[in-house]
Structures are given as C-alpha cells and as structure tokens.
Amino acid sequence: SGFTPNNYNIGWFRQAPGKEREGVSCITSSDDDTYYADSVKGR
C-alpha cells in the first residue's frame, strides 16, 4: 500500500541466522513469469 504497484517485479527473499539474504522466488509484473531457487523448486 502507499504506492501504485504497477510495473514492479515481486520477489521473496529469506535470511537464515549467520547466512546472507538469498532470493527464493520472483514473479514478473508483465508476463507473470515465475522463478525459483533450486533449493525450493517443486516445493
């Protein structure tokens, strides 16, 4: 909320204790293409 959320790709990241923040998944604004980290693909 608070902005017009068009033309934004949207992603999920995660950070475990002692680890760097990593990308988990992303969905594109224009085509709804999805991407997944290998560690979560299929789940």
Full PDB file with SEQRES, HELIX, SHEET, SSBOND, CRYST1, ORIGX, SCALE, CONECT and MASTER records, all heavy atoms in Angstrom:
SEQRES   1 A   43  SER GLY PHE THR PRO ASN ASN TYR ASN ILE GLY TRP PHE          
SEQRES   2 A   43  ARG GLN ALA PRO GLY LYS GLU ARG GLU GLY VAL SER CYS          
SEQRES   3 A   43  ILE THR SER SER ASP ASP ASP THR TYR TYR ALA ASP SER          
SEQRES   4 A   43  VAL LYS GLY ARG                                              
SHEET    1 AA1 3 ILE A  10  ARG A  14  0                                        
SHEET    2 AA1 3 GLU A  22  ILE A  27 -1                                        
SHEET    3 AA1 3 THR A  34  TYR A  36 -1                                        
CRYST1    1.000    1.000    1.000  90.00  90.00  90.00 P 1           1          
ORIGX1      1.000000  0.000000  0.000000        0.00000                         
ORIGX2      0.000000  1.000000  0.000000        0.00000                         
ORIGX3      0.000000  0.000000  1.000000        0.00000                         
SCALE1      1.000000  0.000000  0.000000        0.00000                         
SCALE2      0.000000  1.000000  0.000000        0.00000                         
SCALE3      0.000000  0.000000  1.000000        0.00000                         
ATOM      1  N   SER A   1       0.841  -1.186   0.000  1.00  0.00           N  
ATOM      2  CA  SER A   1       0.000   0.000   0.000  1.00  0.00           C  
ATOM      3  C   SER A   1       0.879   1.240   0.000  1.00  0.00           C  
ATOM      4  O   SER A   1       2.064   1.177   0.319  1.00  0.00           O  
ATOM      5  CB  SER A   1      -0.947   0.013   1.214  1.00  0.00           C  
ATOM      6  OG  SER A   1      -0.219   0.062   2.427  1.00  0.00           O  
ATOM      7  N   GLY A   2       0.283   2.375  -0.348  1.00  0.00           N  
ATOM      8  CA  GLY A   2       1.001   3.633  -0.326  1.00  0.00           C  
ATOM      9  C   GLY A   2       1.730   3.978  -1.608  1.00  0.00           C  
ATOM     10  O   GLY A   2       2.409   5.011  -1.664  1.00  0.00           O  
ATOM     11  N   PHE A   3       1.598   3.148  -2.624  1.00  0.00           N  
ATOM     12  CA  PHE A   3       2.183   3.434  -3.922  1.00  0.00           C  
ATOM     13  C   PHE A   3       1.398   2.681  -4.982  1.00  0.00           C  
ATOM     14  O   PHE A   3       0.591   1.802  -4.659  1.00  0.00           O  
ATOM     15  CB  PHE A   3       3.671   3.076  -3.978  1.00  0.00           C  
ATOM     16  CG  PHE A   3       3.958   1.599  -3.924  1.00  0.00           C  
ATOM     17  CD1 PHE A   3       4.343   0.902  -5.060  1.00  0.00           C  
ATOM     18  CD2 PHE A   3       3.849   0.896  -2.733  1.00  0.00           C  
ATOM     19  CE1 PHE A   3       4.623  -0.460  -5.010  1.00  0.00           C  
ATOM     20  CE2 PHE A   3       4.116  -0.465  -2.668  1.00  0.00           C  
ATOM     21  CZ  PHE A   3       4.508  -1.143  -3.811  1.00  0.00           C  
ATOM     22  N   THR A   4       1.623   3.019  -6.226  1.00  0.00           N  
ATOM     23  CA  THR A   4       0.959   2.342  -7.335  1.00  0.00           C  
ATOM     24  C   THR A   4       1.817   1.161  -7.762  1.00  0.00           C  
ATOM     25  O   THR A   4       2.883   1.352  -8.348  1.00  0.00           O  
ATOM     26  CB  THR A   4       0.736   3.289  -8.514  1.00  0.00           C  
ATOM     27  OG1 THR A   4      -0.039   4.412  -8.089  1.00  0.00           O  
ATOM     28  CG2 THR A   4      -0.009   2.573  -9.640  1.00  0.00           C  
ATOM     29  N   PRO A   5       1.373  -0.046  -7.481  1.00  0.00           N  
ATOM     30  CA  PRO A   5       2.246  -1.218  -7.645  1.00  0.00           C  
ATOM     31  C   PRO A   5       2.233  -1.819  -9.049  1.00  0.00           C  
ATOM     32  O   PRO A   5       2.213  -3.041  -9.197  1.00  0.00           O  
ATOM     33  CB  PRO A   5       1.677  -2.194  -6.612  1.00  0.00           C  
ATOM     34  CG  PRO A   5       0.213  -1.887  -6.606  1.00  0.00           C  
ATOM     35  CD  PRO A   5       0.108  -0.402  -6.825  1.00  0.00           C  
ATOM     36  N   ASN A   6       2.228  -0.977 -10.062  1.00  0.00           N  
ATOM     37  CA  ASN A   6       2.325  -1.483 -11.426  1.00  0.00           C  
ATOM     38  C   ASN A   6       3.778  -1.427 -11.897  1.00  0.00           C  
ATOM     39  O   ASN A   6       4.561  -0.595 -11.442  1.00  0.00           O  
ATOM     40  CB  ASN A   6       1.421  -0.701 -12.372  1.00  0.00           C  
ATOM     41  CG  ASN A   6       1.764   0.770 -12.456  1.00  0.00           C  
ATOM     42  OD1 ASN A   6       2.042   1.415 -11.445  1.00  0.00           O  
ATOM     43  ND2 ASN A   6       1.746   1.318 -13.656  1.00  0.00           N  
ATOM     44  N   ASN A   7       4.099  -2.316 -12.804  1.00  0.00           N  
ATOM     45  CA  ASN A   7       5.437  -2.390 -13.382  1.00  0.00           C  
ATOM     46  C   ASN A   7       6.514  -2.703 -12.346  1.00  0.00           C  
ATOM     47  O   ASN A   7       7.651  -2.233 -12.445  1.00  0.00           O  
ATOM     48  CB  ASN A   7       5.780  -1.109 -14.134  1.00  0.00           C  
ATOM     49  CG  ASN A   7       4.869  -0.873 -15.313  1.00  0.00           C  
ATOM     50  OD1 ASN A   7       4.509  -1.800 -16.029  1.00  0.00           O  
ATOM     51  ND2 ASN A   7       4.485   0.381 -15.527  1.00  0.00           N  
ATOM     52  N   TYR A   8       6.141  -3.471 -11.348  1.00  0.00           N  
ATOM     53  CA  TYR A   8       7.083  -3.973 -10.360  1.00  0.00           C  
ATOM     54  C   TYR A   8       7.168  -5.486 -10.480  1.00  0.00           C  
ATOM     55  O   TYR A   8       6.138  -6.168 -10.535  1.00  0.00           O  
ATOM     56  CB  TYR A   8       6.658  -3.620  -8.933  1.00  0.00           C  
ATOM     57  CG  TYR A   8       6.819  -2.173  -8.540  1.00  0.00           C  
ATOM     58  CD1 TYR A   8       5.832  -1.243  -8.818  1.00  0.00           C  
ATOM     59  CD2 TYR A   8       7.957  -1.748  -7.866  1.00  0.00           C  
ATOM     60  CE1 TYR A   8       5.976   0.080  -8.455  1.00  0.00           C  
ATOM     61  CE2 TYR A   8       8.107  -0.425  -7.491  1.00  0.00           C  
ATOM     62  CZ  TYR A   8       7.112   0.488  -7.784  1.00  0.00           C  
ATOM     63  OH  TYR A   8       7.257   1.798  -7.406  1.00  0.00           O  
ATOM     64  N   ASN A   9       8.375  -5.988 -10.525  1.00  0.00           N  
ATOM     65  CA  ASN A   9       8.566  -7.408 -10.292  1.00  0.00           C  
ATOM     66  C   ASN A   9       8.534  -7.634  -8.788  1.00  0.00           C  
ATOM     67  O   ASN A   9       8.958  -6.781  -8.004  1.00  0.00           O  
ATOM     68  CB  ASN A   9       9.883  -7.890 -10.873  1.00  0.00           C  
ATOM     69  CG  ASN A   9       9.913  -7.772 -12.386  1.00  0.00           C  
ATOM     70  OD1 ASN A   9       8.890  -7.900 -13.053  1.00  0.00           O  
ATOM     71  ND2 ASN A   9      11.094  -7.532 -12.932  1.00  0.00           N  
ATOM     72  N   ILE A  10       8.012  -8.769  -8.383  1.00  0.00           N  
ATOM     73  CA  ILE A  10       7.814  -9.048  -6.970  1.00  0.00           C  
ATOM     74  C   ILE A  10       8.563 -10.318  -6.600  1.00  0.00           C  
ATOM     75  O   ILE A  10       8.467 -11.328  -7.301  1.00  0.00           O  
ATOM     76  CB  ILE A  10       6.327  -9.210  -6.629  1.00  0.00           C  
ATOM     77  CG1 ILE A  10       5.512  -8.057  -7.227  1.00  0.00           C  
ATOM     78  CG2 ILE A  10       6.134  -9.268  -5.118  1.00  0.00           C  
ATOM     79  CD1 ILE A  10       4.011  -8.257  -7.143  1.00  0.00           C  
ATOM     80  N   GLY A  11       9.286 -10.252  -5.506  1.00  0.00           N  
ATOM     81  CA  GLY A  11      10.055 -11.407  -5.085  1.00  0.00           C  
ATOM     82  C   GLY A  11       9.973 -11.676  -3.603  1.00  0.00           C  
ATOM     83  O   GLY A  11       9.529 -10.841  -2.818  1.00  0.00           O  
ATOM     84  N   TRP A  12      10.375 -12.875  -3.259  1.00  0.00           N  
ATOM     85  CA  TRP A  12      10.544 -13.279  -1.874  1.00  0.00           C  
ATOM     86  C   TRP A  12      12.010 -13.611  -1.641  1.00  0.00           C  
ATOM     87  O   TRP A  12      12.622 -14.336  -2.438  1.00  0.00           O  
ATOM     88  CB  TRP A  12       9.684 -14.494  -1.525  1.00  0.00           C  
ATOM     89  CG  TRP A  12       8.226 -14.195  -1.371  1.00  0.00           C  
ATOM     90  CD1 TRP A  12       7.255 -14.311  -2.312  1.00  0.00           C  
ATOM     91  CD2 TRP A  12       7.577 -13.728  -0.185  1.00  0.00           C  
ATOM     92  NE1 TRP A  12       6.038 -13.955  -1.792  1.00  0.00           N  
ATOM     93  CE2 TRP A  12       6.203 -13.592  -0.489  1.00  0.00           C  
ATOM     94  CE3 TRP A  12       8.020 -13.421   1.108  1.00  0.00           C  
ATOM     95  CZ2 TRP A  12       5.275 -13.150   0.452  1.00  0.00           C  
ATOM     96  CZ3 TRP A  12       7.086 -12.983   2.042  1.00  0.00           C  
ATOM     97  CH2 TRP A  12       5.741 -12.853   1.712  1.00  0.00           C  
ATOM     98  N   PHE A  13      12.546 -13.095  -0.566  1.00  0.00           N  
ATOM     99  CA  PHE A  13      13.898 -13.384  -0.132  1.00  0.00           C  
ATOM    100  C   PHE A  13      13.841 -13.949   1.273  1.00  0.00           C  
ATOM    101  O   PHE A  13      12.840 -13.806   1.971  1.00  0.00           O  
ATOM    102  CB  PHE A  13      14.770 -12.122  -0.155  1.00  0.00           C  
ATOM    103  CG  PHE A  13      15.099 -11.622  -1.531  1.00  0.00           C  
ATOM    104  CD1 PHE A  13      14.137 -11.016  -2.317  1.00  0.00           C  
ATOM    105  CD2 PHE A  13      16.388 -11.753  -2.039  1.00  0.00           C  
ATOM    106  CE1 PHE A  13      14.432 -10.550  -3.583  1.00  0.00           C  
ATOM    107  CE2 PHE A  13      16.700 -11.288  -3.307  1.00  0.00           C  
ATOM    108  CZ  PHE A  13      15.726 -10.688  -4.078  1.00  0.00           C  
ATOM    109  N   ARG A  14      14.914 -14.586   1.683  1.00  0.00           N  
ATOM    110  CA  ARG A  14      14.978 -15.079   3.048  1.00  0.00           C  
ATOM    111  C   ARG A  14      16.399 -14.970   3.567  1.00  0.00           C  
ATOM    112  O   ARG A  14      17.360 -14.965   2.804  1.00  0.00           O  
ATOM    113  CB  ARG A  14      14.489 -16.529   3.146  1.00  0.00           C  
ATOM    114  CG  ARG A  14      15.380 -17.554   2.458  1.00  0.00           C  
ATOM    115  CD  ARG A  14      14.734 -18.937   2.510  1.00  0.00           C  
ATOM    116  NE  ARG A  14      15.574 -19.956   1.904  1.00  0.00           N  
ATOM    117  CZ  ARG A  14      15.199 -21.214   1.716  1.00  0.00           C  
ATOM    118  NH1 ARG A  14      13.983 -21.605   2.094  1.00  0.00           N  
ATOM    119  NH2 ARG A  14      16.031 -22.087   1.162  1.00  0.00           N  
ATOM    120  N   GLN A  15      16.500 -14.881   4.882  1.00  0.00           N  
ATOM    121  CA  GLN A  15      17.794 -14.807   5.528  1.00  0.00           C  
ATOM    122  C   GLN A  15      17.771 -15.664   6.786  1.00  0.00           C  
ATOM    123  O   GLN A  15      16.995 -15.412   7.706  1.00  0.00           O  
ATOM    124  CB  GLN A  15      18.161 -13.366   5.881  1.00  0.00           C  
ATOM    125  CG  GLN A  15      19.580 -13.208   6.396  1.00  0.00           C  
ATOM    126  CD  GLN A  15      20.032 -11.762   6.418  1.00  0.00           C  
ATOM    127  OE1 GLN A  15      19.203 -10.842   6.400  1.00  0.00           O  
ATOM    128  NE2 GLN A  15      21.329 -11.545   6.447  1.00  0.00           N  
ATOM    129  N   ALA A  16      18.618 -16.672   6.797  1.00  0.00           N  
ATOM    130  CA  ALA A  16      18.768 -17.547   7.948  1.00  0.00           C  
ATOM    131  C   ALA A  16      19.870 -17.010   8.855  1.00  0.00           C  
ATOM    132  O   ALA A  16      20.739 -16.251   8.409  1.00  0.00           O  
ATOM    133  CB  ALA A  16      19.098 -18.962   7.499  1.00  0.00           C  
ATOM    134  N   PRO A  17      19.857 -17.380  10.128  1.00  0.00           N  
ATOM    135  CA  PRO A  17      20.906 -16.912  11.032  1.00  0.00           C  
ATOM    136  C   PRO A  17      22.298 -17.259  10.519  1.00  0.00           C  
ATOM    137  O   PRO A  17      22.571 -18.405  10.157  1.00  0.00           O  
ATOM    138  CB  PRO A  17      20.595 -17.652  12.334  1.00  0.00           C  
ATOM    139  CG  PRO A  17      19.132 -17.927  12.270  1.00  0.00           C  
ATOM    140  CD  PRO A  17      18.853 -18.201  10.819  1.00  0.00           C  
ATOM    141  N   GLY A  18      23.168 -16.263  10.472  1.00  0.00           N  
ATOM    142  CA  GLY A  18      24.531 -16.468  10.018  1.00  0.00           C  
ATOM    143  C   GLY A  18      24.697 -16.589   8.525  1.00  0.00           C  
ATOM    144  O   GLY A  18      25.820 -16.840   8.061  1.00  0.00           O  
ATOM    145  N   LYS A  19      23.629 -16.422   7.768  1.00  0.00           N  
ATOM    146  CA  LYS A  19      23.673 -16.557   6.322  1.00  0.00           C  
ATOM    147  C   LYS A  19      23.318 -15.239   5.650  1.00  0.00           C  
ATOM    148  O   LYS A  19      22.691 -14.368   6.240  1.00  0.00           O  
ATOM    149  CB  LYS A  19      22.711 -17.651   5.846  1.00  0.00           C  
ATOM    150  CG  LYS A  19      22.948 -19.026   6.448  1.00  0.00           C  
ATOM    151  CD  LYS A  19      24.235 -19.634   5.940  1.00  0.00           C  
ATOM    152  CE  LYS A  19      24.425 -21.044   6.497  1.00  0.00           C  
ATOM    153  NZ  LYS A  19      23.380 -21.982   6.012  1.00  0.00           N  
ATOM    154  N   GLU A  20      23.730 -15.103   4.395  1.00  0.00           N  
ATOM    155  CA  GLU A  20      23.366 -13.926   3.626  1.00  0.00           C  
ATOM    156  C   GLU A  20      21.939 -14.057   3.119  1.00  0.00           C  
ATOM    157  O   GLU A  20      21.394 -15.160   3.003  1.00  0.00           O  
ATOM    158  CB  GLU A  20      24.334 -13.729   2.458  1.00  0.00           C  
ATOM    159  CG  GLU A  20      24.273 -14.829   1.414  1.00  0.00           C  
ATOM    160  CD  GLU A  20      25.270 -14.630   0.284  1.00  0.00           C  
ATOM    161  OE1 GLU A  20      26.131 -13.744   0.405  1.00  0.00           O  
ATOM    162  OE2 GLU A  20      25.183 -15.350  -0.730  1.00  0.00           O  
ATOM    163  N   ARG A  21      21.331 -12.920   2.829  1.00  0.00           N  
ATOM    164  CA  ARG A  21      19.993 -12.933   2.277  1.00  0.00           C  
ATOM    165  C   ARG A  21      20.021 -13.518   0.869  1.00  0.00           C  
ATOM    166  O   ARG A  21      20.866 -13.155   0.050  1.00  0.00           O  
ATOM    167  CB  ARG A  21      19.411 -11.521   2.262  1.00  0.00           C  
ATOM    168  CG  ARG A  21      17.951 -11.455   1.865  1.00  0.00           C  
ATOM    169  CD  ARG A  21      17.375 -10.051   2.050  1.00  0.00           C  
ATOM    170  NE  ARG A  21      17.410  -9.630   3.446  1.00  0.00           N  
ATOM    171  CZ  ARG A  21      16.862  -8.517   3.903  1.00  0.00           C  
ATOM    172  NH1 ARG A  21      16.231  -7.697   3.069  1.00  0.00           N  
ATOM    173  NH2 ARG A  21      16.944  -8.204   5.188  1.00  0.00           N  
ATOM    174  N   GLU A  22      19.106 -14.428   0.598  1.00  0.00           N  
ATOM    175  CA  GLU A  22      19.071 -15.090  -0.691  1.00  0.00           C  
ATOM    176  C   GLU A  22      17.694 -14.968  -1.329  1.00  0.00           C  
ATOM    177  O   GLU A  22      16.677 -14.910  -0.643  1.00  0.00           O  
ATOM    178  CB  GLU A  22      19.447 -16.569  -0.556  1.00  0.00           C  
ATOM    179  CG  GLU A  22      18.473 -17.379   0.289  1.00  0.00           C  
ATOM    180  CD  GLU A  22      18.802 -18.854   0.334  1.00  0.00           C  
ATOM    181  OE1 GLU A  22      19.632 -19.319  -0.474  1.00  0.00           O  
ATOM    182  OE2 GLU A  22      18.229 -19.568   1.185  1.00  0.00           O  
ATOM    183  N   GLY A  23      17.682 -14.946  -2.639  1.00  0.00           N  
ATOM    184  CA  GLY A  23      16.430 -14.936  -3.366  1.00  0.00           C  
ATOM    185  C   GLY A  23      15.774 -16.301  -3.327  1.00  0.00           C  
ATOM    186  O   GLY A  23      16.433 -17.326  -3.484  1.00  0.00           O  
ATOM    187  N   VAL A  24      14.477 -16.310  -3.136  1.00  0.00           N  
ATOM    188  CA  VAL A  24      13.698 -17.541  -3.077  1.00  0.00           C  
ATOM    189  C   VAL A  24      12.852 -17.712  -4.328  1.00  0.00           C  
ATOM    190  O   VAL A  24      12.860 -18.773  -4.958  1.00  0.00           O  
ATOM    191  CB  VAL A  24      12.804 -17.571  -1.829  1.00  0.00           C  
ATOM    192  CG1 VAL A  24      11.918 -18.811  -1.821  1.00  0.00           C  
ATOM    193  CG2 VAL A  24      13.649 -17.509  -0.562  1.00  0.00           C  
ATOM    194  N   SER A  25      12.116 -16.661  -4.683  1.00  0.00           N  
ATOM    195  CA  SER A  25      11.207 -16.745  -5.813  1.00  0.00           C  
ATOM    196  C   SER A  25      10.875 -15.349  -6.311  1.00  0.00           C  
ATOM    197  O   SER A  25      10.998 -14.370  -5.571  1.00  0.00           O  
ATOM    198  CB  SER A  25       9.922 -17.484  -5.413  1.00  0.00           C  
ATOM    199  OG  SER A  25       9.057 -17.657  -6.517  1.00  0.00           O  
ATOM    200  N   CYS A  26      10.445 -15.271  -7.554  1.00  0.00           N  
ATOM    201  CA  CYS A  26      10.093 -13.994  -8.154  1.00  0.00           C  
ATOM    202  C   CYS A  26       8.987 -14.207  -9.171  1.00  0.00           C  
ATOM    203  O   CYS A  26       8.939 -15.252  -9.842  1.00  0.00           O  
ATOM    204  CB  CYS A  26      11.319 -13.363  -8.815  1.00  0.00           C  
ATOM    205  SG  CYS A  26      11.020 -11.776  -9.610  1.00  0.00           S  
ATOM    206  N   ILE A  27       8.111 -13.218  -9.300  1.00  0.00           N  
ATOM    207  CA  ILE A  27       7.086 -13.216 -10.333  1.00  0.00           C  
ATOM    208  C   ILE A  27       7.153 -11.877 -11.047  1.00  0.00           C  
ATOM    209  O   ILE A  27       7.227 -10.824 -10.411  1.00  0.00           O  
ATOM    210  CB  ILE A  27       5.680 -13.492  -9.749  1.00  0.00           C  
ATOM    211  CG1 ILE A  27       4.636 -13.564 -10.864  1.00  0.00           C  
ATOM    212  CG2 ILE A  27       5.297 -12.457  -8.703  1.00  0.00           C  
ATOM    213  CD1 ILE A  27       3.299 -14.118 -10.389  1.00  0.00           C  
ATOM    214  N   THR A  28       7.134 -11.904 -12.375  1.00  0.00           N  
ATOM    215  CA  THR A  28       7.249 -10.678 -13.147  1.00  0.00           C  
ATOM    216  C   THR A  28       5.908  -9.981 -13.264  1.00  0.00           C  
ATOM    217  O   THR A  28       4.848 -10.608 -13.276  1.00  0.00           O  
ATOM    218  CB  THR A  28       7.814 -10.941 -14.544  1.00  0.00           C  
ATOM    219  OG1 THR A  28       6.889 -11.741 -15.293  1.00  0.00           O  
ATOM    220  CG2 THR A  28       9.152 -11.654 -14.465  1.00  0.00           C  
ATOM    221  N   SER A  29       5.962  -8.655 -13.371  1.00  0.00           N  
ATOM    222  CA  SER A  29       4.752  -7.852 -13.454  1.00  0.00           C  
ATOM    223  C   SER A  29       4.053  -8.002 -14.795  1.00  0.00           C  
ATOM    224  O   SER A  29       2.825  -8.043 -14.864  1.00  0.00           O  
ATOM    225  CB  SER A  29       5.087  -6.386 -13.196  1.00  0.00           C  
ATOM    226  OG  SER A  29       3.951  -5.555 -13.369  1.00  0.00           O  
ATOM    227  N   SER A  30       4.823  -8.061 -15.870  1.00  0.00           N  
ATOM    228  CA  SER A  30       4.251  -8.020 -17.206  1.00  0.00           C  
ATOM    229  C   SER A  30       3.706  -9.362 -17.678  1.00  0.00           C  
ATOM    230  O   SER A  30       2.618  -9.429 -18.246  1.00  0.00           O  
ATOM    231  CB  SER A  30       5.294  -7.508 -18.195  1.00  0.00           C  
ATOM    232  OG  SER A  30       6.449  -8.326 -18.201  1.00  0.00           O  
ATOM    233  N   ASP A  31       4.451 -10.414 -17.452  1.00  0.00           N  
ATOM    234  CA  ASP A  31       4.113 -11.712 -18.033  1.00  0.00           C  
ATOM    235  C   ASP A  31       3.740 -12.775 -17.007  1.00  0.00           C  
ATOM    236  O   ASP A  31       3.375 -13.883 -17.397  1.00  0.00           O  
ATOM    237  CB  ASP A  31       5.283 -12.230 -18.870  1.00  0.00           C  
ATOM    238  CG  ASP A  31       5.650 -11.295 -19.998  1.00  0.00           C  
ATOM    239  OD1 ASP A  31       4.735 -10.677 -20.579  1.00  0.00           O  
ATOM    240  OD2 ASP A  31       6.851 -11.182 -20.313  1.00  0.00           O  
ATOM    241  N   ASP A  32       3.865 -12.465 -15.732  1.00  0.00           N  
ATOM    242  CA  ASP A  32       3.618 -13.435 -14.666  1.00  0.00           C  
ATOM    243  C   ASP A  32       4.531 -14.650 -14.780  1.00  0.00           C  
ATOM    244  O   ASP A  32       4.152 -15.758 -14.395  1.00  0.00           O  
ATOM    245  CB  ASP A  32       2.157 -13.876 -14.648  1.00  0.00           C  
ATOM    246  CG  ASP A  32       1.232 -12.797 -14.132  1.00  0.00           C  
ATOM    247  OD1 ASP A  32       1.680 -11.949 -13.337  1.00  0.00           O  
ATOM    248  OD2 ASP A  32       0.041 -12.808 -14.508  1.00  0.00           O  
ATOM    249  N   ASP A  33       5.710 -14.440 -15.322  1.00  0.00           N  
ATOM    250  CA  ASP A  33       6.712 -15.497 -15.306  1.00  0.00           C  
ATOM    251  C   ASP A  33       7.220 -15.680 -13.890  1.00  0.00           C  
ATOM    252  O   ASP A  33       7.382 -14.712 -13.146  1.00  0.00           O  
ATOM    253  CB  ASP A  33       7.882 -15.153 -16.228  1.00  0.00           C  
ATOM    254  CG  ASP A  33       7.495 -15.166 -17.689  1.00  0.00           C  
ATOM    255  OD1 ASP A  33       6.565 -15.895 -18.053  1.00  0.00           O  
ATOM    256  OD2 ASP A  33       8.139 -14.443 -18.476  1.00  0.00           O  
ATOM    257  N   THR A  34       7.472 -16.902 -13.518  1.00  0.00           N  
ATOM    258  CA  THR A  34       7.930 -17.208 -12.171  1.00  0.00           C  
ATOM    259  C   THR A  34       9.304 -17.844 -12.192  1.00  0.00           C  
ATOM    260  O   THR A  34       9.662 -18.559 -13.121  1.00  0.00           O  
ATOM    261  CB  THR A  34       6.942 -18.128 -11.439  1.00  0.00           C  
ATOM    262  OG1 THR A  34       6.772 -19.341 -12.189  1.00  0.00           O  
ATOM    263  CG2 THR A  34       5.599 -17.448 -11.279  1.00  0.00           C  
ATOM    264  N   TYR A  35      10.047 -17.593 -11.138  1.00  0.00           N  
ATOM    265  CA  TYR A  35      11.394 -18.119 -10.983  1.00  0.00           C  
ATOM    266  C   TYR A  35      11.563 -18.611  -9.555  1.00  0.00           C  
ATOM    267  O   TYR A  35      11.011 -18.033  -8.620  1.00  0.00           O  
ATOM    268  CB  TYR A  35      12.441 -17.042 -11.308  1.00  0.00           C  
ATOM    269  CG  TYR A  35      12.291 -16.460 -12.687  1.00  0.00           C  
ATOM    270  CD1 TYR A  35      11.470 -15.360 -12.901  1.00  0.00           C  
ATOM    271  CD2 TYR A  35      12.956 -17.017 -13.772  1.00  0.00           C  
ATOM    272  CE1 TYR A  35      11.312 -14.828 -14.169  1.00  0.00           C  
ATOM    273  CE2 TYR A  35      12.802 -16.489 -15.040  1.00  0.00           C  
ATOM    274  CZ  TYR A  35      11.987 -15.401 -15.239  1.00  0.00           C  
ATOM    275  OH  TYR A  35      11.836 -14.880 -16.499  1.00  0.00           O  
ATOM    276  N   TYR A  36      12.347 -19.670  -9.398  1.00  0.00           N  
ATOM    277  CA  TYR A  36      12.546 -20.271  -8.095  1.00  0.00           C  
ATOM    278  C   TYR A  36      13.999 -20.653  -7.898  1.00  0.00           C  
ATOM    279  O   TYR A  36      14.681 -21.093  -8.828  1.00  0.00           O  
ATOM    280  CB  TYR A  36      11.682 -21.524  -7.931  1.00  0.00           C  
ATOM    281  CG  TYR A  36      10.204 -21.262  -8.048  1.00  0.00           C  
ATOM    282  CD1 TYR A  36       9.544 -21.388  -9.262  1.00  0.00           C  
ATOM    283  CD2 TYR A  36       9.466 -20.889  -6.929  1.00  0.00           C  
ATOM    284  CE1 TYR A  36       8.189 -21.144  -9.370  1.00  0.00           C  
ATOM    285  CE2 TYR A  36       8.105 -20.642  -7.028  1.00  0.00           C  
ATOM    286  CZ  TYR A  36       7.474 -20.771  -8.252  1.00  0.00           C  
ATOM    287  OH  TYR A  36       6.125 -20.523  -8.354  1.00  0.00           O  
ATOM    288  N   ALA A  37      14.463 -20.482  -6.685  1.00  0.00           N  
ATOM    289  CA  ALA A  37      15.757 -21.022  -6.325  1.00  0.00           C  
ATOM    290  C   ALA A  37      15.706 -22.541  -6.380  1.00  0.00           C  
ATOM    291  O   ALA A  37      14.671 -23.156  -6.111  1.00  0.00           O  
ATOM    292  CB  ALA A  37      16.158 -20.559  -4.925  1.00  0.00           C  
ATOM    293  N   ASP A  38      16.826 -23.148  -6.745  1.00  0.00           N  
ATOM    294  CA  ASP A  38      16.863 -24.599  -6.856  1.00  0.00           C  
ATOM    295  C   ASP A  38      16.467 -25.288  -5.553  1.00  0.00           C  
ATOM    296  O   ASP A  38      15.876 -26.371  -5.566  1.00  0.00           O  
ATOM    297  CB  ASP A  38      18.254 -25.066  -7.281  1.00  0.00           C  
ATOM    298  CG  ASP A  38      18.560 -24.737  -8.728  1.00  0.00           C  
ATOM    299  OD1 ASP A  38      17.612 -24.503  -9.508  1.00  0.00           O  
ATOM    300  OD2 ASP A  38      19.754 -24.721  -9.086  1.00  0.00           O  
ATOM    301  N   SER A  39      16.781 -24.663  -4.438  1.00  0.00           N  
ATOM    302  CA  SER A  39      16.522 -25.272  -3.148  1.00  0.00           C  
ATOM    303  C   SER A  39      15.036 -25.386  -2.820  1.00  0.00           C  
ATOM    304  O   SER A  39      14.658 -26.180  -1.950  1.00  0.00           O  
ATOM    305  CB  SER A  39      17.230 -24.488  -2.037  1.00  0.00           C  
ATOM    306  OG  SER A  39      16.783 -23.145  -2.007  1.00  0.00           O  
ATOM    307  N   VAL A  40      14.195 -24.605  -3.486  1.00  0.00           N  
ATOM    308  CA  VAL A  40      12.762 -24.622  -3.190  1.00  0.00           C  
ATOM    309  C   VAL A  40      11.920 -25.059  -4.376  1.00  0.00           C  
ATOM    310  O   VAL A  40      10.699 -25.232  -4.225  1.00  0.00           O  
ATOM    311  CB  VAL A  40      12.270 -23.246  -2.700  1.00  0.00           C  
ATOM    312  CG1 VAL A  40      13.108 -22.761  -1.531  1.00  0.00           C  
ATOM    313  CG2 VAL A  40      12.287 -22.219  -3.835  1.00  0.00           C  
ATOM    314  N   LYS A  41      12.525 -25.250  -5.527  1.00  0.00           N  
ATOM    315  CA  LYS A  41      11.784 -25.617  -6.723  1.00  0.00           C  
ATOM    316  C   LYS A  41      11.035 -26.928  -6.507  1.00  0.00           C  
ATOM    317  O   LYS A  41      11.601 -27.905  -6.014  1.00  0.00           O  
ATOM    318  CB  LYS A  41      12.739 -25.726  -7.908  1.00  0.00           C  
ATOM    319  CG  LYS A  41      12.063 -25.842  -9.261  1.00  0.00           C  
ATOM    320  CD  LYS A  41      13.093 -25.768 -10.391  1.00  0.00           C  
ATOM    321  CE  LYS A  41      13.804 -24.426 -10.408  1.00  0.00           C  
ATOM    322  NZ  LYS A  41      14.771 -24.323 -11.531  1.00  0.00           N  
ATOM    323  N   GLY A  42       9.779 -26.923  -6.871  1.00  0.00           N  
ATOM    324  CA  GLY A  42       8.938 -28.088  -6.688  1.00  0.00           C  
ATOM    325  C   GLY A  42       8.225 -28.133  -5.361  1.00  0.00           C  
ATOM    326  O   GLY A  42       7.304 -28.944  -5.180  1.00  0.00           O  
ATOM    327  N   ARG A  43       8.627 -27.275  -4.425  1.00  0.00           N  
ATOM    328  CA  ARG A  43       8.000 -27.228  -3.110  1.00  0.00           C  
ATOM    329  C   ARG A  43       7.273 -25.915  -2.844  1.00  0.00           C  
ATOM    330  O   ARG A  43       6.269 -25.899  -2.141  1.00  0.00           O  
ATOM    331  CB  ARG A  43       9.047 -27.455  -2.014  1.00  0.00           C  
ATOM    332  CG  ARG A  43       9.776 -28.792  -2.103  1.00  0.00           C  
ATOM    333  CD  ARG A  43      10.669 -29.021  -0.886  1.00  0.00           C  
ATOM    334  NE  ARG A  43      11.726 -28.020  -0.781  1.00  0.00           N  
ATOM    335  CZ  ARG A  43      11.857 -27.165   0.227  1.00  0.00           C  
ATOM    336  NH1 ARG A  43      10.991 -27.182   1.237  1.00  0.00           N  
ATOM    337  NH2 ARG A  43      12.860 -26.294   0.245  1.00  0.00           N  
TER     338      ARG A  43                                                      
MASTER        0    0    0    0    3    0    0    6  337    1    0    4          
END                                                                             
